[in-house]
Amino acid sequence: MTNAEKLKNFLELEILPDLEVAIDELFGAIDKAKKASKEQKDDLEELRDMRTECFAIIQEIDRDELEDEEIDELLSELVASKSED
């Protein structure tokens, strides 16, 4: 398996599901409070931006637009950040 495939799988199977859960939980908290705080709005925007970026990276992988070095760096950063959680 190439690093591009590993990165795509990691994004699809690990990162995106985690982002979806976080977004859903935040929506639940906002719904329960009936109003979103400034912090919640900022967090929601950040999570949505991260999700959008993940989808963009997957599309770039599918179109073979990323250099091997970029793929290696992204994979390393994402695995490291996931390990910190």
Protein backbone atom coordinates (compact mmCIF):
# COMPACT_ATOMS: atom_id res chain seq x y z
CA MET A 1 0.00 0.00 0.00
CA THR A 2 1.39 3.38 -0.97
CA ASN A 3 1.51 6.31 1.40
CA ALA A 4 -1.13 8.02 -0.75
CA GLU A 5 -3.47 5.07 -0.16
CA LYS A 6 -2.59 5.05 3.53
CA LEU A 7 -3.33 8.77 3.79
CA LYS A 8 -6.64 8.43 1.96
CA ASN A 9 -7.69 5.49 4.14
CA PHE A 10 -6.61 7.30 7.29
CA LEU A 11 -8.65 10.34 6.32
CA GLU A 12 -11.71 8.31 5.33
CA LEU A 13 -11.63 5.76 8.14
CA GLU A 14 -10.19 7.70 11.08
CA ILE A 15 -10.17 11.46 10.71
CA LEU A 16 -13.49 12.14 8.94
CA PRO A 17 -15.56 9.88 11.24
CA ASP A 18 -14.00 11.59 14.27
CA LEU A 19 -14.80 15.01 12.82
CA GLU A 20 -18.40 13.95 12.12
CA VAL A 21 -18.80 12.75 15.72
CA ALA A 22 -17.35 16.00 17.06
CA ILE A 23 -19.65 18.06 14.83
CA ASP A 24 -22.68 16.00 15.89
CA GLU A 25 -21.79 16.35 19.57
CA LEU A 26 -21.36 20.09 19.20
CA PHE A 27 -24.71 20.38 17.44
CA GLY A 28 -26.24 18.36 20.28
CA ALA A 29 -24.79 20.71 22.88
CA ILE A 30 -25.99 23.75 20.94
CA ASP A 31 -29.46 22.25 20.54
CA LYS A 32 -29.65 21.43 24.24
CA ALA A 33 -28.65 24.98 25.19
CA LYS A 34 -30.98 26.40 22.48
CA LYS A 35 -28.26 28.90 21.58
CA ALA A 36 -24.68 28.67 20.38
CA SER A 37 -21.98 30.54 22.25
CA LYS A 38 -19.25 32.39 20.39
CA GLU A 39 -16.82 29.60 21.30
CA GLN A 40 -19.19 26.92 20.00
CA LYS A 41 -19.67 28.82 16.74
CA ASP A 42 -15.90 29.13 16.34
CA ASP A 43 -15.39 25.45 17.14
CA LEU A 44 -18.08 24.43 14.67
CA GLU A 45 -16.54 26.56 11.94
CA GLU A 46 -13.11 25.07 12.64
CA LEU A 47 -14.44 21.50 12.53
CA ARG A 48 -16.27 22.17 9.28
CA ASP A 49 -13.13 23.72 7.78
CA MET A 50 -11.13 20.67 8.80
CA ARG A 51 -13.73 18.36 7.24
CA THR A 52 -13.68 20.38 4.01
CA GLU A 53 -9.87 20.23 3.94
CA CYS A 54 -9.94 16.46 4.40
CA PHE A 55 -12.31 16.05 1.46
CA ALA A 56 -10.07 18.33 -0.63
CA ILE A 57 -7.01 16.24 0.21
CA ILE A 58 -8.86 13.05 -0.77
CA GLN A 59 -9.81 14.63 -4.11
CA GLU A 60 -6.21 15.70 -4.69
CA ILE A 61 -5.04 12.14 -3.99
CA ASP A 62 -7.65 10.77 -6.41
CA ARG A 63 -6.44 13.20 -9.08
CA ASP A 64 -2.80 12.39 -8.29
CA GLU A 65 -2.06 16.06 -7.59
CA LEU A 66 0.00 15.67 -4.42
CA GLU A 67 3.74 15.17 -4.36
CA ASP A 68 5.08 12.19 -2.42
CA GLU A 69 6.77 14.54 0.03
CA GLU A 70 3.47 16.34 0.73
CA ILE A 71 1.72 13.02 1.26
CA ASP A 72 4.41 11.81 3.66
CA GLU A 73 4.25 15.05 5.67
CA LEU A 74 0.45 15.05 5.87
CA LEU A 75 0.36 11.40 6.89
CA SER A 76 2.99 11.94 9.59
CA GLU A 77 1.24 15.03 10.96
CA LEU A 78 -2.18 13.39 11.03
CA VAL A 79 -0.95 10.19 12.65
CA ALA A 80 0.92 12.23 15.27
CA SER A 81 -2.11 14.39 16.01
CA LYS A 82 -4.38 11.34 16.21
CA SER A 83 -1.92 9.68 18.61
CA GLU A 84 -2.06 12.73 20.90
CA ASP A 85 -5.83 12.31 21.28
